Amino acid sequence: MYINNEDFEKWMQKLSKKLSEIGQDLKSLINTKEVFDPDEKLLDNQDLAFLLKVSYRTLQRYRSSKKLPFFMIGHKTYYRVNDVRSFVREHMDFQTYQEFDKEHPTDDKDKEPE
């Protein structure tokens, strides 16, 4: 296959532009600490399935039944730790809640009662 110089330069410009866009996306993901509140941590499907010891399909069932709040960025599903904590408290057994709380402690415990 032969590519002339003009086509090659156009192709390289497109590639450079796409790489710049990807770089911007990566910068925004790296700076999520500045986007979300400090106590608003995120978990993805893999993290949550591992923590709750359930399959991805089970998580999908929880989402479909609207028991577990979620949001998507691109094609990736994320959960807020506070939403997951509420879900676990309401729908899981006490031991699962204790394990989750151990992994993701609330900052409320550090605060003194008013």
C-alpha atoms as a PDB file:
ATOM      1  CA  MET A   1       0.000   0.000   0.000  1.00  0.00           C
ATOM      2  CA  TYR A   2       1.366   3.377  -1.002  1.00  0.00           C
ATOM      3  CA  ILE A   3       0.458   6.635   0.781  1.00  0.00           C
ATOM      4  CA  ASN A   4       1.532   9.930  -0.707  1.00  0.00           C
ATOM      5  CA  ASN A   5       2.968  12.687   1.484  1.00  0.00           C
ATOM      6  CA  GLU A   6      -0.210  14.774   1.492  1.00  0.00           C
ATOM      7  CA  ASP A   7      -2.384  11.872   2.696  1.00  0.00           C
ATOM      8  CA  PHE A   8       0.241  10.934   5.268  1.00  0.00           C
ATOM      9  CA  GLU A   9       0.331  14.479   6.679  1.00  0.00           C
ATOM     10  CA  LYS A  10      -3.493  14.587   6.918  1.00  0.00           C
ATOM     11  CA  TRP A  11      -3.472  11.230   8.657  1.00  0.00           C
ATOM     12  CA  MET A  12      -0.794  12.394  11.124  1.00  0.00           C
ATOM     13  CA  GLN A  13      -2.765  15.582  11.883  1.00  0.00           C
ATOM     14  CA  LYS A  14      -5.872  13.522  12.636  1.00  0.00           C
ATOM     15  CA  LEU A  15      -3.840  11.194  14.832  1.00  0.00           C
ATOM     16  CA  SER A  16      -2.256  14.122  16.676  1.00  0.00           C
ATOM     17  CA  LYS A  17      -5.656  15.716  17.266  1.00  0.00           C
ATOM     18  CA  LYS A  18      -7.101  12.447  18.592  1.00  0.00           C
ATOM     19  CA  LEU A  19      -4.128  11.954  20.934  1.00  0.00           C
ATOM     20  CA  SER A  20      -4.601  15.485  22.257  1.00  0.00           C
ATOM     21  CA  GLU A  21      -8.282  14.743  22.961  1.00  0.00           C
ATOM     22  CA  ILE A  22      -7.350  11.552  24.792  1.00  0.00           C
ATOM     23  CA  GLY A  23      -4.774  13.482  26.796  1.00  0.00           C
ATOM     24  CA  GLN A  24      -7.407  16.005  27.863  1.00  0.00           C
ATOM     25  CA  ASP A  25      -9.752  13.179  28.907  1.00  0.00           C
ATOM     26  CA  LEU A  26      -6.985  11.610  30.971  1.00  0.00           C
ATOM     27  CA  LYS A  27      -6.218  14.932  32.651  1.00  0.00           C
ATOM     28  CA  SER A  28      -9.861  15.317  33.634  1.00  0.00           C
ATOM     29  CA  LEU A  29      -9.925  11.786  35.092  1.00  0.00           C
ATOM     30  CA  ILE A  30      -6.715  12.387  37.023  1.00  0.00           C
ATOM     31  CA  ASN A  31      -8.169  15.568  38.503  1.00  0.00           C
ATOM     32  CA  THR A  32     -11.368  13.931  39.805  1.00  0.00           C
ATOM     33  CA  LYS A  33     -10.277  14.780  43.341  1.00  0.00           C
ATOM     34  CA  GLU A  34     -10.998  18.396  42.456  1.00  0.00           C
ATOM     35  CA  VAL A  35     -14.336  17.560  40.785  1.00  0.00           C
ATOM     36  CA  PHE A  36     -15.861  15.546  43.634  1.00  0.00           C
ATOM     37  CA  ASP A  37     -16.086  16.396  47.313  1.00  0.00           C
ATOM     38  CA  PRO A  38     -13.425  14.719  49.460  1.00  0.00           C
ATOM     39  CA  ASP A  39     -16.009  12.404  51.052  1.00  0.00           C
ATOM     40  CA  GLU A  40     -17.564  11.478  47.696  1.00  0.00           C
ATOM     41  CA  LYS A  41     -15.438   8.568  46.526  1.00  0.00           C
ATOM     42  CA  LEU A  42     -16.274   6.492  43.450  1.00  0.00           C
ATOM     43  CA  LEU A  43     -16.297   2.762  42.825  1.00  0.00           C
ATOM     44  CA  ASP A  44     -16.540   1.058  39.457  1.00  0.00           C
ATOM     45  CA  ASN A  45     -18.207  -2.295  38.697  1.00  0.00           C
ATOM     46  CA  GLN A  46     -15.052  -4.281  39.359  1.00  0.00           C
ATOM     47  CA  ASP A  47     -14.399  -2.603  42.719  1.00  0.00           C
ATOM     48  CA  LEU A  48     -17.969  -3.019  43.903  1.00  0.00           C
ATOM     49  CA  ALA A  49     -18.352  -6.613  42.720  1.00  0.00           C
ATOM     50  CA  PHE A  50     -15.164  -7.486  44.600  1.00  0.00           C
ATOM     51  CA  LEU A  51     -16.223  -5.665  47.780  1.00  0.00           C
ATOM     52  CA  LEU A  52     -19.730  -7.128  47.880  1.00  0.00           C
ATOM     53  CA  LYS A  53     -18.591 -10.534  46.581  1.00  0.00           C
ATOM     54  CA  VAL A  54     -21.247 -10.543  43.847  1.00  0.00           C
ATOM     55  CA  SER A  55     -21.146 -10.909  40.061  1.00  0.00           C
ATOM     56  CA  TYR A  56     -21.414  -8.120  37.518  1.00  0.00           C
ATOM     57  CA  ARG A  57     -24.815  -9.535  36.570  1.00  0.00           C
ATOM     58  CA  THR A  58     -26.014  -9.153  40.168  1.00  0.00           C
ATOM     59  CA  LEU A  59     -24.918  -5.514  40.138  1.00  0.00           C
ATOM     60  CA  GLN A  60     -26.830  -5.085  36.885  1.00  0.00           C
ATOM     61  CA  ARG A  61     -29.947  -6.516  38.545  1.00  0.00           C
ATOM     62  CA  TYR A  62     -29.583  -4.060  41.446  1.00  0.00           C
ATOM     63  CA  ARG A  63     -29.255  -1.186  38.972  1.00  0.00           C
ATOM     64  CA  SER A  64     -32.220  -2.339  36.871  1.00  0.00           C
ATOM     65  CA  SER A  65     -34.445  -2.623  39.922  1.00  0.00           C
ATOM     66  CA  LYS A  66     -33.340   0.907  40.907  1.00  0.00           C
ATOM     67  CA  LYS A  67     -32.109  -0.346  44.282  1.00  0.00           C
ATOM     68  CA  LEU A  68     -28.553   0.793  43.602  1.00  0.00           C
ATOM     69  CA  PRO A  69     -27.953   4.344  42.300  1.00  0.00           C
ATOM     70  CA  PHE A  70     -25.277   4.666  39.607  1.00  0.00           C
ATOM     71  CA  PHE A  71     -24.082   6.884  36.802  1.00  0.00           C
ATOM     72  CA  MET A  72     -22.135   6.298  33.643  1.00  0.00           C
ATOM     73  CA  ILE A  73     -19.199   8.050  32.063  1.00  0.00           C
ATOM     74  CA  GLY A  74     -18.776   6.774  28.554  1.00  0.00           C
ATOM     75  CA  HIS A  75     -19.573   3.090  28.781  1.00  0.00           C
ATOM     76  CA  LYS A  76     -18.258   2.676  32.317  1.00  0.00           C
ATOM     77  CA  THR A  77     -20.512   2.419  35.369  1.00  0.00           C
ATOM     78  CA  TYR A  78     -19.662   4.171  38.633  1.00  0.00           C
ATOM     79  CA  TYR A  79     -21.184   4.215  42.097  1.00  0.00           C
ATOM     80  CA  ARG A  80     -20.811   6.787  44.852  1.00  0.00           C
ATOM     81  CA  VAL A  81     -19.563   5.215  48.081  1.00  0.00           C
ATOM     82  CA  ASN A  82     -22.291   7.003  50.071  1.00  0.00           C
ATOM     83  CA  ASP A  83     -24.987   5.512  47.798  1.00  0.00           C
ATOM     84  CA  VAL A  84     -23.439   2.059  48.104  1.00  0.00           C
ATOM     85  CA  ARG A  85     -23.269   2.383  51.885  1.00  0.00           C
ATOM     86  CA  SER A  86     -26.996   3.169  51.998  1.00  0.00           C
ATOM     87  CA  PHE A  87     -27.750   0.279  49.661  1.00  0.00           C
ATOM     88  CA  VAL A  88     -25.708  -2.164  51.743  1.00  0.00           C
ATOM     89  CA  ARG A  89     -27.334  -0.944  54.957  1.00  0.00           C
ATOM     90  CA  GLU A  90     -30.836  -1.484  53.520  1.00  0.00           C
ATOM     91  CA  HIS A  91     -30.410  -4.623  51.396  1.00  0.00           C
ATOM     92  CA  MET A  92     -27.473  -6.654  52.698  1.00  0.00           C
ATOM     93  CA  ASP A  93     -26.801  -8.560  55.877  1.00  0.00           C
ATOM     94  CA  PHE A  94     -25.030  -6.902  58.799  1.00  0.00           C
ATOM     95  CA  GLN A  95     -21.716  -8.693  58.194  1.00  0.00           C
ATOM     96  CA  THR A  96     -21.523  -7.404  54.609  1.00  0.00           C
ATOM     97  CA  TYR A  97     -22.246  -3.894  55.887  1.00  0.00           C
ATOM     98  CA  GLN A  98     -19.467  -4.179  58.480  1.00  0.00           C
ATOM     99  CA  GLU A  99     -16.984  -5.369  55.843  1.00  0.00           C
ATOM    100  CA  PHE A 100     -17.921  -2.527  53.490  1.00  0.00           C
ATOM    101  CA  ASP A 101     -17.739   0.024  56.285  1.00  0.00           C
ATOM    102  CA  LYS A 102     -14.302  -1.266  57.238  1.00  0.00           C
ATOM    103  CA  GLU A 103     -13.089  -0.756  53.648  1.00  0.00           C
ATOM    104  CA  HIS A 104     -14.752   2.659  53.285  1.00  0.00           C
ATOM    105  CA  PRO A 105     -15.173   4.313  56.677  1.00  0.00           C
ATOM    106  CA  THR A 106     -17.331   7.407  56.909  1.00  0.00           C
ATOM    107  CA  ASP A 107     -15.785  10.675  57.940  1.00  0.00           C
ATOM    108  CA  ASP A 108     -18.722  11.191  60.316  1.00  0.00           C
ATOM    109  CA  LYS A 109     -17.074   8.858  62.832  1.00  0.00           C
ATOM    110  CA  ASP A 110     -14.149  11.266  63.137  1.00  0.00           C
ATOM    111  CA  LYS A 111     -16.412  14.189  63.939  1.00  0.00           C
ATOM    112  CA  GLU A 112     -17.410  14.857  67.517  1.00  0.00           C
ATOM    113  CA  PRO A 113     -21.135  15.064  68.285  1.00  0.00           C
ATOM    114  CA  GLU A 114     -22.461  18.579  68.541  1.00  0.00           C
END
